[in-house]
C-alpha atoms as a PDB file:
ATOM      1  CA  MET A   1      20.927-150.371  -1.027  1.00  0.00           C
ATOM      2  CA  SER A   2      18.809-152.615   1.205  1.00  0.00           C
ATOM      3  CA  ARG A   3      15.235-153.113   0.040  1.00  0.00           C
ATOM      4  CA  ARG A   4      12.290-154.158   2.206  1.00  0.00           C
ATOM      5  CA  ALA A   5       9.865-156.441   0.405  1.00  0.00           C
ATOM      6  CA  LEU A   6       6.453-157.856   1.116  1.00  0.00           C
ATOM      7  CA  LEU A   7       6.728-161.587   0.371  1.00  0.00           C
ATOM      8  CA  ILE A   8       3.743-163.803  -0.385  1.00  0.00           C
ATOM      9  CA  VAL A   9       4.326-167.448  -1.329  1.00  0.00           C
ATOM     10  CA  ASN A  10       1.593-169.794  -2.523  1.00  0.00           C
ATOM     11  CA  ALA A  11       1.114-171.929   0.591  1.00  0.00           C
ATOM     12  CA  LYS A  12      -1.154-174.365  -1.266  1.00  0.00           C
ATOM     13  CA  SER A  13       1.547-175.552  -3.668  1.00  0.00           C
ATOM     14  CA  ARG A  14       3.059-179.034  -3.325  1.00  0.00           C
ATOM     15  CA  SER A  15       5.976-177.740  -1.218  1.00  0.00           C
ATOM     16  CA  GLY A  16       4.746-174.343  -0.068  1.00  0.00           C
ATOM     17  CA  ALA A  17       6.465-174.232   3.359  1.00  0.00           C
ATOM     18  CA  ALA A  18       9.831-175.360   2.006  1.00  0.00           C
ATOM     19  CA  GLN A  19       9.604-172.913  -0.898  1.00  0.00           C
ATOM     20  CA  ARG A  20       8.818-170.063   1.493  1.00  0.00           C
ATOM     21  CA  GLU A  21      11.915-170.777   3.581  1.00  0.00           C
ATOM     22  CA  MET A  22      14.144-171.061   0.524  1.00  0.00           C
ATOM     23  CA  ALA A  23      12.713-167.848  -0.926  1.00  0.00           C
ATOM     24  CA  MET A  24      13.404-165.921   2.275  1.00  0.00           C
ATOM     25  CA  GLU A  25      16.942-167.269   2.451  1.00  0.00           C
ATOM     26  CA  ARG A  26      17.749-166.367  -1.168  1.00  0.00           C
ATOM     27  CA  LEU A  27      16.267-162.879  -0.873  1.00  0.00           C
ATOM     28  CA  GLU A  28      18.217-162.164   2.284  1.00  0.00           C
ATOM     29  CA  ALA A  29      21.394-163.400   0.577  1.00  0.00           C
ATOM     30  CA  HIS A  30      20.816-160.749  -2.102  1.00  0.00           C
ATOM     31  CA  GLY A  31      20.337-157.916   0.398  1.00  0.00           C
ATOM     32  CA  ILE A  32      16.521-157.911   0.387  1.00  0.00           C
ATOM     33  CA  GLU A  33      14.622-157.931   3.683  1.00  0.00           C
ATOM     34  CA  PRO A  34      11.501-160.094   3.199  1.00  0.00           C
ATOM     35  CA  VAL A  35       8.382-159.432   5.242  1.00  0.00           C
ATOM     36  CA  HIS A  36       6.408-162.638   4.818  1.00  0.00           C
ATOM     37  CA  LEU A  37       2.623-162.653   5.136  1.00  0.00           C
ATOM     38  CA  GLU A  38       0.302-165.653   4.891  1.00  0.00           C
ATOM     39  CA  CYS A  39      -2.511-165.564   2.335  1.00  0.00           C
ATOM     40  CA  ASP A  40      -4.783-168.604   2.086  1.00  0.00           C
ATOM     41  CA  ARG A  41      -7.292-167.292  -0.467  1.00  0.00           C
ATOM     42  CA  ARG A  42      -6.435-165.803  -3.857  1.00  0.00           C
ATOM     43  CA  GLU A  43      -9.155-163.155  -3.514  1.00  0.00           C
ATOM     44  CA  ASP A  44      -7.367-161.817  -0.410  1.00  0.00           C
ATOM     45  CA  LEU A  45      -3.987-161.389  -2.094  1.00  0.00           C
ATOM     46  CA  SER A  46      -4.463-157.984  -3.732  1.00  0.00           C
ATOM     47  CA  PRO A  47      -6.123-156.408  -0.647  1.00  0.00           C
ATOM     48  CA  LEU A  48      -3.223-157.745   1.451  1.00  0.00           C
ATOM     49  CA  ILE A  49      -0.698-156.010  -0.810  1.00  0.00           C
ATOM     50  CA  VAL A  50      -2.595-152.716  -0.668  1.00  0.00           C
ATOM     51  CA  LYS A  51      -2.981-152.887   3.129  1.00  0.00           C
ATOM     52  CA  ASN A  52       0.758-153.343   3.702  1.00  0.00           C
ATOM     53  CA  ALA A  53       2.135-151.198   0.860  1.00  0.00           C
ATOM     54  CA  LYS A  54       3.263-148.305   3.076  1.00  0.00           C
ATOM     55  CA  ASP A  55       5.674-150.562   5.001  1.00  0.00           C
ATOM     56  CA  VAL A  56       7.637-151.967   2.032  1.00  0.00           C
ATOM     57  CA  ASP A  57       9.440-150.964  -1.160  1.00  0.00           C
ATOM     58  CA  CYS A  58       8.093-153.732  -3.390  1.00  0.00           C
ATOM     59  CA  ALA A  59       5.849-156.798  -3.454  1.00  0.00           C
ATOM     60  CA  ILE A  60       7.367-160.203  -4.210  1.00  0.00           C
ATOM     61  CA  VAL A  61       5.064-163.066  -5.152  1.00  0.00           C
ATOM     62  CA  GLY A  62       6.230-166.670  -5.161  1.00  0.00           C
ATOM     63  CA  GLY A  63       3.980-169.034  -7.059  1.00  0.00           C
ATOM     64  CA  GLY A  64       2.569-169.806 -10.473  1.00  0.00           C
ATOM     65  CA  ASP A  65       0.672-167.713 -12.999  1.00  0.00           C
ATOM     66  CA  GLY A  66      -2.612-167.970 -11.097  1.00  0.00           C
ATOM     67  CA  THR A  67      -1.026-166.524  -7.948  1.00  0.00           C
ATOM     68  CA  LEU A  68       0.557-163.674  -9.911  1.00  0.00           C
ATOM     69  CA  ASN A  69      -2.808-163.015 -11.560  1.00  0.00           C
ATOM     70  CA  ALA A  70      -4.379-162.595  -8.103  1.00  0.00           C
ATOM     71  CA  ALA A  71      -1.738-159.981  -7.231  1.00  0.00           C
ATOM     72  CA  ALA A  72      -2.233-157.838 -10.356  1.00  0.00           C
ATOM     73  CA  PHE A  73      -4.749-155.307  -9.062  1.00  0.00           C
ATOM     74  CA  GLY A  74      -2.943-155.103  -5.726  1.00  0.00           C
ATOM     75  CA  VAL A  75       0.339-153.922  -7.209  1.00  0.00           C
ATOM     76  CA  ILE A  76      -1.496-151.511  -9.527  1.00  0.00           C
ATOM     77  CA  GLU A  77      -3.479-149.897  -6.682  1.00  0.00           C
ATOM     78  CA  SER A  78      -0.507-149.784  -4.312  1.00  0.00           C
ATOM     79  CA  GLY A  79       1.960-148.566  -6.945  1.00  0.00           C
ATOM     80  CA  LEU A  80       4.503-151.160  -5.791  1.00  0.00           C
ATOM     81  CA  PRO A  81       6.838-152.839  -8.290  1.00  0.00           C
ATOM     82  CA  LEU A  82       6.291-156.596  -8.573  1.00  0.00           C
ATOM     83  CA  GLY A  83       9.031-159.141  -7.978  1.00  0.00           C
ATOM     84  CA  ILE A  84       8.446-162.634  -9.357  1.00  0.00           C
ATOM     85  CA  LEU A  85       9.688-165.916  -7.908  1.00  0.00           C
ATOM     86  CA  PRO A  86       8.515-168.587 -10.402  1.00  0.00           C
ATOM     87  CA  LEU A  87       7.400-171.426  -8.137  1.00  0.00           C
ATOM     88  CA  GLY A  88       4.479-172.722 -10.199  1.00  0.00           C
ATOM     89  CA  THR A  89       4.081-175.396 -12.843  1.00  0.00           C
ATOM     90  CA  ALA A  90       3.948-173.359 -16.072  1.00  0.00           C
ATOM     91  CA  ASN A  91       5.528-170.023 -15.026  1.00  0.00           C
ATOM     92  CA  ASP A  92       4.599-168.390 -18.331  1.00  0.00           C
ATOM     93  CA  LEU A  93       4.818-164.780 -17.132  1.00  0.00           C
ATOM     94  CA  ALA A  94       8.355-165.411 -15.896  1.00  0.00           C
ATOM     95  CA  ARG A  95       9.165-167.062 -19.231  1.00  0.00           C
ATOM     96  CA  THR A  96       7.778-164.067 -21.146  1.00  0.00           C
ATOM     97  CA  LEU A  97       9.929-161.681 -19.079  1.00  0.00           C
ATOM     98  CA  GLY A  98      13.066-163.839 -19.200  1.00  0.00           C
ATOM     99  CA  ILE A  99      13.164-164.345 -15.423  1.00  0.00           C
ATOM    100  CA  PRO A 100      15.243-167.404 -14.412  1.00  0.00           C
ATOM    101  CA  PHE A 101      13.282-170.329 -12.979  1.00  0.00           C
ATOM    102  CA  ASP A 102      15.777-170.964 -10.151  1.00  0.00           C
ATOM    103  CA  LEU A 103      15.229-169.035  -6.917  1.00  0.00           C
ATOM    104  CA  ASP A 104      18.732-167.594  -6.793  1.00  0.00           C
ATOM    105  CA  GLY A 105      18.505-166.270 -10.357  1.00  0.00           C
ATOM    106  CA  ALA A 106      15.035-164.797  -9.784  1.00  0.00           C
ATOM    107  CA  ALA A 107      16.160-163.143  -6.531  1.00  0.00           C
ATOM    108  CA  GLN A 108      19.155-161.664  -8.374  1.00  0.00           C
ATOM    109  CA  VAL A 109      16.799-160.055 -10.928  1.00  0.00           C
ATOM    110  CA  ILE A 110      14.926-158.334  -8.083  1.00  0.00           C
ATOM    111  CA  ALA A 111      18.176-157.289  -6.376  1.00  0.00           C
ATOM    112  CA  ASP A 112      19.487-155.801  -9.641  1.00  0.00           C
ATOM    113  CA  GLY A 113      16.515-153.424  -9.523  1.00  0.00           C
ATOM    114  CA  LEU A 114      15.906-153.123 -13.267  1.00  0.00           C
ATOM    115  CA  MET A 115      12.202-152.408 -13.828  1.00  0.00           C
ATOM    116  CA  ARG A 116       9.935-152.790 -16.829  1.00  0.00           C
ATOM    117  CA  GLN A 117       6.366-151.654 -17.426  1.00  0.00           C
ATOM    118  CA  ILE A 118       4.069-154.295 -18.910  1.00  0.00           C
ATOM    119  CA  ASP A 119       0.500-154.412 -20.201  1.00  0.00           C
ATOM    120  CA  LEU A 120      -2.366-156.137 -18.443  1.00  0.00           C
ATOM    121  CA  GLY A 121      -5.275-157.827 -20.201  1.00  0.00           C
ATOM    122  CA  ILE A 122      -8.774-157.348 -18.783  1.00  0.00           C
ATOM    123  CA  VAL A 123     -11.771-159.631 -19.350  1.00  0.00           C
ATOM    124  CA  ASN A 124     -15.098-158.599 -17.808  1.00  0.00           C
ATOM    125  CA  GLY A 125     -13.140-156.623 -15.216  1.00  0.00           C
ATOM    126  CA  GLU A 126     -10.806-159.520 -14.346  1.00  0.00           C
ATOM    127  CA  PRO A 127      -7.029-159.351 -15.059  1.00  0.00           C
ATOM    128  CA  PHE A 128      -4.779-161.634 -17.091  1.00  0.00           C
ATOM    129  CA  PHE A 129      -1.068-161.421 -17.772  1.00  0.00           C
ATOM    130  CA  ASN A 130      -0.784-164.280 -20.257  1.00  0.00           C
ATOM    131  CA  VAL A 131      -3.957-165.597 -21.892  1.00  0.00           C
ATOM    132  CA  ALA A 132      -7.705-165.677 -21.320  1.00  0.00           C
ATOM    133  CA  SER A 133      -9.646-168.308 -23.235  1.00  0.00           C
ATOM    134  CA  VAL A 134     -12.954-170.033 -23.894  1.00  0.00           C
ATOM    135  CA  GLY A 135     -13.184-173.719 -24.813  1.00  0.00           C
ATOM    136  CA  LEU A 136     -10.514-176.381 -24.365  1.00  0.00           C
ATOM    137  CA  SER A 137      -8.277-174.619 -21.860  1.00  0.00           C
ATOM    138  CA  ALA A 138     -11.249-173.495 -19.756  1.00  0.00           C
ATOM    139  CA  GLU A 139     -12.435-177.108 -19.599  1.00  0.00           C
ATOM    140  CA  LEU A 140      -8.894-178.105 -18.658  1.00  0.00           C
ATOM    141  CA  ALA A 141      -8.804-175.516 -15.871  1.00  0.00           C
ATOM    142  CA  GLN A 142     -12.140-176.753 -14.514  1.00  0.00           C
ATOM    143  CA  GLN A 143     -10.977-180.367 -14.356  1.00  0.00           C
ATOM    144  CA  LEU A 144      -7.423-179.668 -13.170  1.00  0.00           C
ATOM    145  CA  THR A 145      -8.107-179.543  -9.451  1.00  0.00           C
ATOM    146  CA  ARG A 146      -5.628-178.289  -6.833  1.00  0.00           C
ATOM    147  CA  ASP A 147      -5.318-181.870  -5.607  1.00  0.00           C
ATOM    148  CA  ILE A 148      -4.216-183.067  -9.079  1.00  0.00           C
ATOM    149  CA  LYS A 149      -1.702-180.190  -9.328  1.00  0.00           C
ATOM    150  CA  ARG A 150      -0.252-180.947  -5.894  1.00  0.00           C
ATOM    151  CA  ARG A 151      -0.100-184.692  -6.456  1.00  0.00           C
ATOM    152  CA  TYR A 152       1.104-184.922 -10.060  1.00  0.00           C
ATOM    153  CA  GLY A 153       2.516-181.516 -11.099  1.00  0.00           C
ATOM    154  CA  ARG A 154       3.186-181.319 -14.863  1.00  0.00           C
ATOM    155  CA  LEU A 155       2.053-184.927 -15.312  1.00  0.00           C
ATOM    156  CA  GLY A 156      -1.363-183.916 -13.995  1.00  0.00           C
ATOM    157  CA  TYR A 157      -1.687-181.333 -16.791  1.00  0.00           C
ATOM    158  CA  ALA A 158      -0.973-184.012 -19.408  1.00  0.00           C
ATOM    159  CA  MET A 159      -3.417-186.490 -17.882  1.00  0.00           C
ATOM    160  CA  VAL A 160      -6.305-184.017 -17.769  1.00  0.00           C
ATOM    161  CA  ALA A 161      -5.457-182.563 -21.206  1.00  0.00           C
ATOM    162  CA  LEU A 162      -5.777-185.979 -22.868  1.00  0.00           C
ATOM    163  CA  LYS A 163      -9.175-186.466 -21.247  1.00  0.00           C
ATOM    164  CA  VAL A 164     -10.391-182.998 -22.347  1.00  0.00           C
ATOM    165  CA  LEU A 165      -9.191-183.535 -25.936  1.00  0.00           C
ATOM    166  CA  ALA A 166     -10.957-186.890 -26.124  1.00  0.00           C
ATOM    167  CA  GLN A 167     -14.252-185.255 -25.132  1.00  0.00           C
ATOM    168  CA  ALA A 168     -13.837-182.007 -27.111  1.00  0.00           C
ATOM    169  CA  ARG A 169     -16.660-180.763 -29.332  1.00  0.00           C
ATOM    170  CA  PRO A 170     -16.811-177.476 -31.318  1.00  0.00           C
ATOM    171  CA  PHE A 171     -19.093-174.670 -30.165  1.00  0.00           C
ATOM    172  CA  ARG A 172     -20.515-171.607 -31.940  1.00  0.00           C
ATOM    173  CA  ALA A 173     -19.357-168.088 -31.083  1.00  0.00           C
ATOM    174  CA  THR A 174     -19.350-164.545 -32.404  1.00  0.00           C
ATOM    175  CA  ILE A 175     -16.064-162.630 -32.430  1.00  0.00           C
ATOM    176  CA  ARG A 176     -16.170-158.847 -32.727  1.00  0.00           C
ATOM    177  CA  SER A 177     -13.133-156.547 -32.947  1.00  0.00           C
ATOM    178  CA  GLU A 178     -12.143-153.238 -34.536  1.00  0.00           C
ATOM    179  CA  THR A 179     -11.519-155.062 -37.815  1.00  0.00           C
ATOM    180  CA  GLU A 180     -14.252-157.698 -38.121  1.00  0.00           C
ATOM    181  CA  ASN A 181     -17.450-159.262 -36.830  1.00  0.00           C
ATOM    182  CA  VAL A 182     -17.621-163.011 -37.557  1.00  0.00           C
ATOM    183  CA  ARG A 183     -19.508-166.098 -36.470  1.00  0.00           C
ATOM    184  CA  VAL A 184     -17.368-169.186 -35.986  1.00  0.00           C
ATOM    185  CA  ARG A 185     -17.550-172.838 -35.022  1.00  0.00           C
ATOM    186  CA  THR A 186     -14.522-173.427 -32.835  1.00  0.00           C
ATOM    187  CA  LEU A 187     -12.867-175.626 -30.237  1.00  0.00           C
ATOM    188  CA  GLN A 188     -11.196-172.708 -28.495  1.00  0.00           C
ATOM    189  CA  ILE A 189     -10.854-168.937 -28.607  1.00  0.00           C
ATOM    190  CA  ALA A 190      -7.749-167.648 -26.844  1.00  0.00           C
ATOM    191  CA  ILE A 191      -6.802-164.008 -26.365  1.00  0.00           C
ATOM    192  CA  GLY A 192      -3.231-163.309 -25.328  1.00  0.00           C
ATOM    193  CA  ASN A 193      -1.600-160.335 -23.652  1.00  0.00           C
ATOM    194  CA  GLY A 194       1.845-161.820 -23.034  1.00  0.00           C
ATOM    195  CA  ARG A 195       3.994-163.998 -25.281  1.00  0.00           C
ATOM    196  CA  PHE A 196       3.741-167.435 -23.636  1.00  0.00           C
ATOM    197  CA  TYR A 197       1.001-169.644 -22.192  1.00  0.00           C
ATOM    198  CA  GLY A 198       0.409-173.314 -21.419  1.00  0.00           C
ATOM    199  CA  GLY A 199       3.969-174.011 -20.309  1.00  0.00           C
ATOM    200  CA  GLY A 200       5.849-172.386 -23.176  1.00  0.00           C
ATOM    201  CA  ASN A 201       3.529-172.222 -26.187  1.00  0.00           C
ATOM    202  CA  ALA A 202       3.692-168.859 -27.973  1.00  0.00           C
ATOM    203  CA  VAL A 203       0.486-166.836 -28.335  1.00  0.00           C
ATOM    204  CA  GLU A 204       1.802-165.405 -31.616  1.00  0.00           C
ATOM    205  CA  GLN A 205       5.351-165.307 -32.925  1.00  0.00           C
ATOM    206  CA  ASP A 206       5.586-161.487 -32.658  1.00  0.00           C
ATOM    207  CA  ALA A 207       3.517-161.034 -29.480  1.00  0.00           C
ATOM    208  CA  ALA A 208       4.980-158.943 -26.668  1.00  0.00           C
ATOM    209  CA  ILE A 209       3.675-158.080 -23.225  1.00  0.00           C
ATOM    210  CA  ASP A 210       4.242-154.366 -23.793  1.00  0.00           C
ATOM    211  CA  ASP A 211       2.976-153.927 -27.387  1.00  0.00           C
ATOM    212  CA  GLU A 212      -0.412-152.469 -26.293  1.00  0.00           C
ATOM    213  CA  HIS A 213      -2.325-155.111 -28.296  1.00  0.00           C
ATOM    214  CA  LEU A 214      -4.120-158.386 -27.736  1.00  0.00           C
ATOM    215  CA  ASP A 215      -3.605-161.415 -29.986  1.00  0.00           C
ATOM    216  CA  LEU A 216      -6.577-163.706 -30.643  1.00  0.00           C
ATOM    217  CA  TYR A 217      -6.645-167.136 -32.202  1.00  0.00           C
ATOM    218  CA  SER A 218      -9.657-169.349 -32.839  1.00  0.00           C
ATOM    219  CA  LEU A 219      -9.274-173.106 -33.434  1.00  0.00           C
ATOM    220  CA  GLU A 220     -11.857-173.739 -36.123  1.00  0.00           C
ATOM    221  CA  LEU A 221     -11.184-177.460 -36.444  1.00  0.00           C
ATOM    222  CA  LYS A 222     -13.679-180.246 -36.919  1.00  0.00           C
ATOM    223  CA  ARG A 223     -11.620-182.741 -34.934  1.00  0.00           C
ATOM    224  CA  ALA A 224      -9.410-182.121 -31.892  1.00  0.00           C
ATOM    225  CA  TRP A 225      -6.870-184.783 -32.943  1.00  0.00           C
ATOM    226  CA  LYS A 226      -5.499-182.441 -35.618  1.00  0.00           C
ATOM    227  CA  LEU A 227      -4.025-180.325 -32.833  1.00  0.00           C
ATOM    228  CA  ALA A 228      -1.277-182.931 -32.577  1.00  0.00           C
ATOM    229  CA  LEU A 229      -0.153-182.021 -36.120  1.00  0.00           C
ATOM    230  CA  MET A 230      -0.068-178.338 -35.113  1.00  0.00           C
ATOM    231  CA  ALA A 231       1.954-178.823 -31.922  1.00  0.00           C
ATOM    232  CA  ARG A 232       5.205-177.456 -33.334  1.00  0.00           C
ATOM    233  CA  SER A 233       3.420-174.433 -34.807  1.00  0.00           C
ATOM    234  CA  PHE A 234       1.838-173.610 -31.448  1.00  0.00           C
ATOM    235  CA  ARG A 235       5.191-173.880 -29.708  1.00  0.00           C
ATOM    236  CA  HIS A 236       6.606-171.143 -31.925  1.00  0.00           C
ATOM    237  CA  GLY A 237       3.452-169.038 -32.368  1.00  0.00           C
ATOM    238  CA  ARG A 238       3.036-169.853 -36.064  1.00  0.00           C
ATOM    239  CA  HIS A 239      -0.363-171.558 -35.792  1.00  0.00           C
ATOM    240  CA  GLY A 240      -1.979-168.644 -37.650  1.00  0.00           C
ATOM    241  CA  ALA A 241      -0.488-170.084 -40.849  1.00  0.00           C
ATOM    242  CA  TRP A 242      -2.958-173.011 -40.703  1.00  0.00           C
ATOM    243  CA  ARG A 243      -6.194-172.294 -42.568  1.00  0.00           C
ATOM    244  CA  GLU A 244      -8.229-173.734 -39.669  1.00  0.00           C
ATOM    245  CA  VAL A 245      -6.802-171.171 -37.246  1.00  0.00           C
ATOM    246  CA  ARG A 246      -8.145-167.621 -37.277  1.00  0.00           C
ATOM    247  CA  ALA A 247      -5.583-165.069 -35.999  1.00  0.00           C
ATOM    248  CA  VAL A 248      -6.452-161.428 -35.231  1.00  0.00           C
ATOM    249  CA  ARG A 249      -4.576-158.603 -33.487  1.00  0.00           C
ATOM    250  CA  ALA A 250      -6.618-155.804 -31.881  1.00  0.00           C
ATOM    251  CA  LYS A 251      -6.998-153.661 -28.761  1.00  0.00           C
ATOM    252  CA  GLU A 252     -10.466-154.950 -27.847  1.00  0.00           C
ATOM    253  CA  PHE A 253     -12.588-158.035 -28.497  1.00  0.00           C
ATOM    254  CA  ASP A 254     -16.148-159.088 -27.692  1.00  0.00           C
ATOM    255  CA  ILE A 255     -16.963-162.811 -27.547  1.00  0.00           C
ATOM    256  CA  ARG A 256     -20.521-164.125 -27.429  1.00  0.00           C
ATOM    257  CA  THR A 257     -21.694-167.739 -27.286  1.00  0.00           C
ATOM    258  CA  ARG A 258     -25.120-169.385 -27.463  1.00  0.00           C
ATOM    259  CA  ARG A 259     -24.968-170.235 -23.773  1.00  0.00           C
ATOM    260  CA  PRO A 260     -22.629-168.880 -21.087  1.00  0.00           C
ATOM    261  CA  ARG A 261     -19.203-170.531 -21.217  1.00  0.00           C
ATOM    262  CA  PRO A 262     -16.487-170.306 -18.542  1.00  0.00           C
ATOM    263  CA  ILE A 263     -13.393-168.205 -19.187  1.00  0.00           C
ATOM    264  CA  ASN A 264      -9.960-169.285 -18.036  1.00  0.00           C
ATOM    265  CA  ALA A 265      -7.546-166.439 -17.233  1.00  0.00           C
ATOM    266  CA  ASP A 266      -3.973-167.467 -16.359  1.00  0.00           C
ATOM    267  CA  GLY A 267      -5.168-170.896 -15.243  1.00  0.00           C
ATOM    268  CA  GLU A 268      -8.153-169.778 -13.161  1.00  0.00           C
ATOM    269  CA  ILE A 269     -11.856-169.692 -14.056  1.00  0.00           C
ATOM    270  CA  VAL A 270     -12.770-166.044 -13.439  1.00  0.00           C
ATOM    271  CA  THR A 271     -15.884-165.180 -15.468  1.00  0.00           C
ATOM    272  CA  GLN A 272     -18.039-166.365 -18.380  1.00  0.00           C
ATOM    273  CA  THR A 273     -19.324-165.296 -21.780  1.00  0.00           C
ATOM    274  CA  PRO A 274     -20.513-162.878 -23.023  1.00  0.00           C
ATOM    275  CA  ALA A 275     -17.124-161.297 -22.497  1.00  0.00           C
ATOM    276  CA  HIS A 276     -15.353-158.040 -23.296  1.00  0.00           C
ATOM    277  CA  PHE A 277     -11.547-158.140 -23.583  1.00  0.00           C
ATOM    278  CA  SER A 278      -9.396-155.024 -23.440  1.00  0.00           C
ATOM    279  CA  ILE A 279      -5.796-153.960 -22.809  1.00  0.00           C
ATOM    280  CA  ARG A 280      -4.451-151.723 -20.055  1.00  0.00           C
ATOM    281  CA  PRO A 281      -1.083-150.501 -21.394  1.00  0.00           C
ATOM    282  CA  SER A 282       1.958-150.201 -19.076  1.00  0.00           C
ATOM    283  CA  ALA A 283      -0.257-151.056 -16.102  1.00  0.00           C
ATOM    284  CA  VAL A 284       2.197-153.060 -13.991  1.00  0.00           C
ATOM    285  CA  THR A 285       5.827-152.375 -13.075  1.00  0.00           C
ATOM    286  CA  VAL A 286       7.903-155.551 -12.702  1.00  0.00           C
ATOM    287  CA  PHE A 287      11.505-156.400 -11.905  1.00  0.00           C
ATOM    288  CA  ALA A 288      12.884-158.046 -15.051  1.00  0.00           C
ATOM    289  CA  PRO A 289      16.138-158.621 -16.938  1.00  0.00           C
ATOM    290  CA  PRO A 290      16.905-156.350 -19.918  1.00  0.00           C
ATOM    291  CA  ASP A 291      14.423-156.886 -22.764  1.00  0.00           C
ATOM    292  CA  LYS A 292      16.284-158.726 -25.543  1.00  0.00           C
ATOM    293  CA  SER A 293      13.432-158.762 -28.069  1.00  0.00           C
END
């Protein structure tokens, strides 16, 4: 059965125009009629989806995790299922859902029509699919400009990450959840909704994007260089086994710091501390392959 789809592709990516044309071609080849609309500002993406919802059967977003983040409230309000074309650098939501990174494979997932309901994290009223964090990754997001992303891609991430690590200093914070209220000295506090973040690192080895929980870790290290020794553990979500890493699972968290600190949600700075984190279960319907977990 033919499906009419609203298509929005991140025009600010390194090859936005070419990606848009390829996306339209692949969707049409799979029997999907794309209705492409331009969107230059991320804050306009959700309103655009809501405005045009009555004319389509689903919303398809081509871009990275930040672009998908901007579409979250739009697909919730409109009730449209979300199709994902992973055209970004990290593509962690697609990785969590098992969506192929090639356009043809991703279009096939949408054409197959299998849907899955997933949770959405909320921090101070802002959404996140993957992870929201304070500390290292927020500093990385601040310094990783669109120009660096466009010019260097994945290499740009590595360049900026090395600079951030070299300058990293611990900060004091209070973490409150259903199970504890602690004061910590940390390099980063990350709270995950999905399974993957940062280009394939696992939030926690048993994390799932539909488990109705958030997974927190706090890097209570004295020196950032020790992160290199933990790299393999982070890749597989086993970093909680290190004594310097606090790991907590809960439905809500409150984070307070001595001074306001920026919060990175899915690669975008969206708010600052003090911050309240919560989970909205089964909030978004997505096209995805069968769950093999």
